[in-house]
Amino acid sequence: MSEPSITLSERAARRIVEILQAEDAALMRVSVEGGGCSGFQYRFDLVQEGAPDDVLVERDGARVVVDPVSLGFVHGAEIDFVDDLIGASFKIKNPNVTASCGCGTSFSV
C-alpha cells in the first residue's frame, strides 16, 4: 500500500480524536472549495462515513477522508493543529500553494 498523499501531525490527530468523540462522528472530511479571496478555501466537516472513492488517512485513532478532486490540491500537505494567541485552528501546510490570503483560510495554486 502506498503512503497517503496527505498526512496528519501528532497534534492534529489528537485534536481530531477529541472532536470526533465529542461530536459522536466517525470521520473528519477535508475538502477544497472554490471561493475565498485567493481562489480556493479549505473546508472541514464531520461525517459518519466516507464515499467509496475517498482517500482515508489515519493516525493515532484519528480518521480523515479526502475526496479525489480535493486530494489533487492538497497532495503532499500536512494537517496540523495550532493553538496560539490568535486562536486554535487546523492549519494545512500545503506545498502546492503559490499565494494565500492574510487570514490563511484561502489560497491559490
N, C-alpha and C. Protein backbone atom coordinates (compact mmCIF):
# COMPACT_ATOMS: atom_id res chain seq x y z
N MET A 1 0.85 -1.19 0.00
CA MET A 1 0.00 0.00 0.00
C MET A 1 0.89 1.24 0.00
N SER A 2 0.53 2.22 -0.79
CA SER A 2 1.34 3.43 -0.89
C SER A 2 1.08 4.37 0.29
N GLU A 3 2.04 5.25 0.52
CA GLU A 3 1.90 6.25 1.57
C GLU A 3 0.77 7.21 1.21
N PRO A 4 -0.01 7.66 2.20
CA PRO A 4 -1.05 8.64 1.88
C PRO A 4 -0.41 9.93 1.36
N SER A 5 -1.09 10.59 0.47
CA SER A 5 -0.54 11.81 -0.11
C SER A 5 -0.83 13.04 0.74
N ILE A 6 -1.46 12.84 1.90
CA ILE A 6 -1.66 13.90 2.87
C ILE A 6 -1.45 13.27 4.25
N THR A 7 -0.85 14.00 5.17
CA THR A 7 -0.53 13.44 6.48
C THR A 7 -1.12 14.29 7.60
N LEU A 8 -1.14 13.72 8.78
CA LEU A 8 -1.62 14.41 9.99
C LEU A 8 -0.47 14.55 10.97
N SER A 9 -0.35 15.72 11.56
CA SER A 9 0.64 15.88 12.63
C SER A 9 0.09 15.19 13.88
N GLU A 10 0.97 14.97 14.85
CA GLU A 10 0.53 14.37 16.11
C GLU A 10 -0.51 15.25 16.80
N ARG A 11 -0.30 16.57 16.79
CA ARG A 11 -1.26 17.50 17.42
C ARG A 11 -2.61 17.45 16.73
N ALA A 12 -2.60 17.41 15.40
CA ALA A 12 -3.86 17.36 14.65
C ALA A 12 -4.60 16.06 14.94
N ALA A 13 -3.88 14.95 14.96
CA ALA A 13 -4.51 13.66 15.23
C ALA A 13 -5.16 13.66 16.62
N ARG A 14 -4.47 14.18 17.60
CA ARG A 14 -5.00 14.23 18.97
C ARG A 14 -6.28 15.07 19.01
N ARG A 15 -6.27 16.23 18.35
CA ARG A 15 -7.44 17.11 18.37
C ARG A 15 -8.60 16.51 17.57
N ILE A 16 -8.32 15.86 16.46
CA ILE A 16 -9.37 15.23 15.67
C ILE A 16 -10.07 14.14 16.48
N VAL A 17 -9.28 13.32 17.20
CA VAL A 17 -9.88 12.28 18.04
C VAL A 17 -10.80 12.92 19.08
N GLU A 18 -10.37 14.00 19.71
CA GLU A 18 -11.21 14.69 20.71
C GLU A 18 -12.51 15.17 20.09
N ILE A 19 -12.43 15.78 18.91
CA ILE A 19 -13.62 16.32 18.25
C ILE A 19 -14.56 15.20 17.83
N LEU A 20 -14.01 14.15 17.23
CA LEU A 20 -14.86 13.04 16.79
C LEU A 20 -15.60 12.41 17.96
N GLN A 21 -14.92 12.25 19.09
CA GLN A 21 -15.57 11.68 20.27
C GLN A 21 -16.64 12.61 20.83
N ALA A 22 -16.34 13.90 20.92
CA ALA A 22 -17.29 14.87 21.48
C ALA A 22 -18.53 15.02 20.60
N GLU A 23 -18.36 14.92 19.29
CA GLU A 23 -19.47 15.13 18.36
C GLU A 23 -20.09 13.82 17.88
N ASP A 24 -19.61 12.69 18.40
CA ASP A 24 -20.12 11.37 18.00
C ASP A 24 -20.09 11.19 16.49
N ALA A 25 -18.97 11.55 15.89
CA ALA A 25 -18.78 11.40 14.45
C ALA A 25 -17.71 10.34 14.21
N ALA A 26 -17.69 9.80 13.01
CA ALA A 26 -16.72 8.75 12.69
C ALA A 26 -15.49 9.29 11.98
N LEU A 27 -15.68 10.33 11.17
CA LEU A 27 -14.60 10.83 10.32
C LEU A 27 -14.63 12.35 10.23
N MET A 28 -13.47 12.93 9.96
CA MET A 28 -13.41 14.34 9.57
C MET A 28 -13.16 14.37 8.07
N ARG A 29 -13.96 15.13 7.35
CA ARG A 29 -13.77 15.30 5.91
C ARG A 29 -13.04 16.61 5.68
N VAL A 30 -11.95 16.56 4.91
CA VAL A 30 -11.23 17.76 4.49
C VAL A 30 -11.44 17.89 2.99
N SER A 31 -11.91 19.07 2.58
CA SER A 31 -12.14 19.29 1.16
C SER A 31 -11.67 20.68 0.77
N VAL A 32 -11.56 20.89 -0.53
CA VAL A 32 -11.16 22.18 -1.08
C VAL A 32 -12.31 22.67 -1.94
N GLU A 33 -12.71 23.93 -1.72
CA GLU A 33 -13.80 24.53 -2.46
C GLU A 33 -13.32 25.79 -3.16
N GLY A 34 -13.96 26.14 -4.25
CA GLY A 34 -13.69 27.43 -4.87
C GLY A 34 -14.23 28.53 -3.98
N GLY A 35 -13.54 29.66 -3.97
CA GLY A 35 -14.00 30.79 -3.15
C GLY A 35 -12.89 31.36 -2.31
N GLY A 36 -13.23 32.30 -1.48
CA GLY A 36 -12.23 32.97 -0.66
C GLY A 36 -11.52 34.03 -1.48
N CYS A 37 -10.68 34.79 -0.84
CA CYS A 37 -10.03 35.90 -1.53
C CYS A 37 -8.87 35.48 -2.42
N SER A 38 -8.42 34.23 -2.32
CA SER A 38 -7.31 33.78 -3.16
C SER A 38 -7.69 32.71 -4.17
N GLY A 39 -8.96 32.34 -4.24
CA GLY A 39 -9.40 31.38 -5.24
C GLY A 39 -9.94 30.07 -4.71
N PHE A 40 -9.31 29.52 -3.65
CA PHE A 40 -9.75 28.26 -3.06
C PHE A 40 -9.74 28.39 -1.55
N GLN A 41 -10.55 27.56 -0.88
CA GLN A 41 -10.50 27.53 0.57
C GLN A 41 -10.72 26.11 1.07
N TYR A 42 -10.19 25.85 2.27
CA TYR A 42 -10.33 24.54 2.89
C TYR A 42 -11.66 24.48 3.63
N ARG A 43 -12.21 23.27 3.68
CA ARG A 43 -13.44 23.05 4.43
C ARG A 43 -13.26 21.80 5.28
N PHE A 44 -13.71 21.86 6.52
CA PHE A 44 -13.63 20.73 7.45
C PHE A 44 -15.05 20.39 7.89
N ASP A 45 -15.44 19.13 7.74
CA ASP A 45 -16.77 18.66 8.14
C ASP A 45 -16.64 17.35 8.91
N LEU A 46 -17.60 17.09 9.78
CA LEU A 46 -17.65 15.82 10.48
C LEU A 46 -18.71 14.96 9.79
N VAL A 47 -18.37 13.70 9.51
CA VAL A 47 -19.27 12.81 8.80
C VAL A 47 -19.26 11.43 9.46
N GLN A 48 -20.29 10.66 9.19
CA GLN A 48 -20.37 9.30 9.73
C GLN A 48 -19.70 8.28 8.84
N GLU A 49 -19.66 8.55 7.52
CA GLU A 49 -19.00 7.62 6.62
C GLU A 49 -18.46 8.37 5.41
N GLY A 50 -17.45 7.79 4.80
CA GLY A 50 -16.86 8.38 3.62
C GLY A 50 -17.52 7.85 2.36
N ALA A 51 -17.16 8.42 1.24
CA ALA A 51 -17.62 7.95 -0.07
C ALA A 51 -16.68 6.85 -0.54
N PRO A 52 -17.14 5.99 -1.45
CA PRO A 52 -16.30 4.87 -1.92
C PRO A 52 -14.97 5.30 -2.52
N ASP A 53 -14.90 6.48 -3.14
CA ASP A 53 -13.65 6.91 -3.78
C ASP A 53 -12.80 7.83 -2.91
N ASP A 54 -13.20 8.05 -1.65
CA ASP A 54 -12.41 8.87 -0.74
C ASP A 54 -11.09 8.19 -0.39
N VAL A 55 -10.09 9.00 -0.09
CA VAL A 55 -8.83 8.51 0.45
C VAL A 55 -8.91 8.67 1.97
N LEU A 56 -8.61 7.60 2.69
CA LEU A 56 -8.65 7.61 4.15
C LEU A 56 -7.24 7.78 4.69
N VAL A 57 -7.09 8.74 5.61
CA VAL A 57 -5.81 8.99 6.28
C VAL A 57 -6.05 8.74 7.76
N GLU A 58 -5.20 7.91 8.37
CA GLU A 58 -5.36 7.59 9.79
C GLU A 58 -4.06 7.80 10.54
N ARG A 59 -4.20 8.29 11.78
CA ARG A 59 -3.05 8.40 12.67
C ARG A 59 -3.56 8.42 14.10
N ASP A 60 -3.05 7.54 14.93
CA ASP A 60 -3.34 7.50 16.36
C ASP A 60 -4.84 7.58 16.67
N GLY A 61 -5.66 6.91 15.87
CA GLY A 61 -7.11 6.89 16.10
C GLY A 61 -7.87 7.96 15.35
N ALA A 62 -7.17 8.94 14.80
CA ALA A 62 -7.83 9.99 14.01
C ALA A 62 -8.07 9.46 12.60
N ARG A 63 -9.27 9.73 12.07
CA ARG A 63 -9.62 9.25 10.73
C ARG A 63 -10.12 10.43 9.91
N VAL A 64 -9.42 10.69 8.80
CA VAL A 64 -9.74 11.83 7.92
C VAL A 64 -9.95 11.28 6.52
N VAL A 65 -10.99 11.77 5.84
CA VAL A 65 -11.21 11.40 4.44
C VAL A 65 -11.08 12.63 3.56
N VAL A 66 -10.57 12.40 2.35
CA VAL A 66 -10.39 13.45 1.36
C VAL A 66 -10.90 12.91 0.03
N ASP A 67 -11.74 13.69 -0.65
CA ASP A 67 -12.25 13.25 -1.95
C ASP A 67 -11.15 13.39 -3.01
N PRO A 68 -11.25 12.64 -4.12
CA PRO A 68 -10.19 12.64 -5.12
C PRO A 68 -9.90 14.01 -5.74
N VAL A 69 -10.92 14.84 -5.95
CA VAL A 69 -10.70 16.17 -6.54
C VAL A 69 -9.91 17.04 -5.57
N SER A 70 -10.32 17.08 -4.30
CA SER A 70 -9.61 17.88 -3.30
C SER A 70 -8.19 17.37 -3.09
N LEU A 71 -8.01 16.06 -3.20
CA LEU A 71 -6.69 15.47 -2.99
C LEU A 71 -5.66 16.06 -3.95
N GLY A 72 -6.08 16.38 -5.16
CA GLY A 72 -5.17 16.99 -6.12
C GLY A 72 -4.64 18.33 -5.65
N PHE A 73 -5.40 19.06 -4.85
CA PHE A 73 -4.98 20.36 -4.34
C PHE A 73 -4.13 20.26 -3.07
N VAL A 74 -4.24 19.15 -2.34
CA VAL A 74 -3.53 19.03 -1.06
C VAL A 74 -2.48 17.92 -1.07
N HIS A 75 -2.14 17.41 -2.24
CA HIS A 75 -1.15 16.34 -2.34
C HIS A 75 0.18 16.78 -1.70
N GLY A 76 0.67 15.98 -0.77
CA GLY A 76 1.92 16.29 -0.10
C GLY A 76 1.77 17.21 1.11
N ALA A 77 0.55 17.58 1.45
CA ALA A 77 0.31 18.52 2.55
C ALA A 77 0.25 17.80 3.90
N GLU A 78 0.42 18.58 4.96
CA GLU A 78 0.26 18.08 6.32
C GLU A 78 -0.80 18.91 7.02
N ILE A 79 -1.74 18.23 7.67
CA ILE A 79 -2.73 18.91 8.50
C ILE A 79 -2.16 19.00 9.90
N ASP A 80 -2.11 20.22 10.43
CA ASP A 80 -1.58 20.45 11.77
C ASP A 80 -2.66 21.15 12.58
N PHE A 81 -2.50 21.14 13.90
CA PHE A 81 -3.41 21.88 14.78
C PHE A 81 -2.57 22.86 15.57
N VAL A 82 -2.94 24.13 15.53
CA VAL A 82 -2.18 25.19 16.16
C VAL A 82 -3.07 25.88 17.20
N ASP A 83 -2.53 26.07 18.39
CA ASP A 83 -3.23 26.79 19.46
C ASP A 83 -2.30 27.90 19.91
N ASP A 84 -2.57 29.13 19.41
CA ASP A 84 -1.70 30.25 19.74
C ASP A 84 -2.53 31.48 20.14
N LEU A 85 -1.90 32.63 20.20
CA LEU A 85 -2.57 33.84 20.68
C LEU A 85 -3.80 34.24 19.86
N ILE A 86 -3.78 33.96 18.57
CA ILE A 86 -4.92 34.36 17.74
C ILE A 86 -6.02 33.30 17.69
N GLY A 87 -5.81 32.17 18.37
CA GLY A 87 -6.84 31.15 18.45
C GLY A 87 -6.33 29.77 18.10
N ALA A 88 -7.22 28.82 18.23
CA ALA A 88 -6.90 27.42 17.92
C ALA A 88 -7.56 27.05 16.61
N SER A 89 -6.81 26.41 15.73
CA SER A 89 -7.38 26.02 14.44
C SER A 89 -6.51 24.98 13.76
N PHE A 90 -7.12 24.31 12.79
CA PHE A 90 -6.36 23.41 11.93
C PHE A 90 -5.68 24.25 10.87
N LYS A 91 -4.43 23.94 10.59
CA LYS A 91 -3.66 24.60 9.54
C LYS A 91 -3.17 23.54 8.58
N ILE A 92 -3.27 23.82 7.31
CA ILE A 92 -2.77 22.88 6.32
C ILE A 92 -1.49 23.44 5.74
N LYS A 93 -0.40 22.71 5.96
CA LYS A 93 0.90 23.09 5.40
C LYS A 93 0.96 22.47 4.02
N ASN A 94 0.64 23.27 3.01
CA ASN A 94 0.43 22.77 1.66
C ASN A 94 1.55 23.25 0.73
N PRO A 95 2.38 22.32 0.23
CA PRO A 95 3.49 22.72 -0.65
C PRO A 95 3.03 23.20 -2.03
N ASN A 96 1.75 23.01 -2.36
CA ASN A 96 1.23 23.40 -3.67
C ASN A 96 0.77 24.85 -3.74
N VAL A 97 0.65 25.50 -2.59
CA VAL A 97 0.12 26.86 -2.54
C VAL A 97 1.14 27.86 -3.08
N THR A 98 0.68 28.70 -4.00
CA THR A 98 1.55 29.75 -4.54
C THR A 98 1.27 31.10 -3.90
N ALA A 99 0.07 31.27 -3.35
CA ALA A 99 -0.30 32.52 -2.66
C ALA A 99 -1.44 32.21 -1.71
N SER A 100 -1.51 32.96 -0.61
CA SER A 100 -2.62 32.80 0.33
C SER A 100 -3.02 34.15 0.86
N CYS A 101 -4.22 34.21 1.41
CA CYS A 101 -4.71 35.49 1.93
C CYS A 101 -4.14 35.71 3.34
N GLY A 102 -4.32 36.89 3.84
CA GLY A 102 -3.81 37.22 5.17
C GLY A 102 -4.42 36.39 6.28
N CYS A 103 -5.67 35.99 6.13
CA CYS A 103 -6.32 35.22 7.19
C CYS A 103 -5.91 33.76 7.17
N GLY A 104 -5.31 33.30 6.05
CA GLY A 104 -4.81 31.94 5.98
C GLY A 104 -5.85 30.89 5.66
N THR A 105 -7.08 31.31 5.31
CA THR A 105 -8.11 30.32 5.03
C THR A 105 -8.33 30.10 3.54
N SER A 106 -7.80 30.95 2.71
CA SER A 106 -7.94 30.73 1.26
C SER A 106 -6.57 30.78 0.61
N PHE A 107 -6.47 30.19 -0.59
CA PHE A 107 -5.17 30.05 -1.23
C PHE A 107 -5.35 29.92 -2.73
N SER A 108 -4.23 30.01 -3.45
CA SER A 108 -4.23 29.72 -4.88
C SER A 108 -3.09 28.76 -5.18
N VAL A 109 -3.23 28.02 -6.28
CA VAL A 109 -2.20 27.05 -6.68
C VAL A 109 -1.69 27.37 -8.06
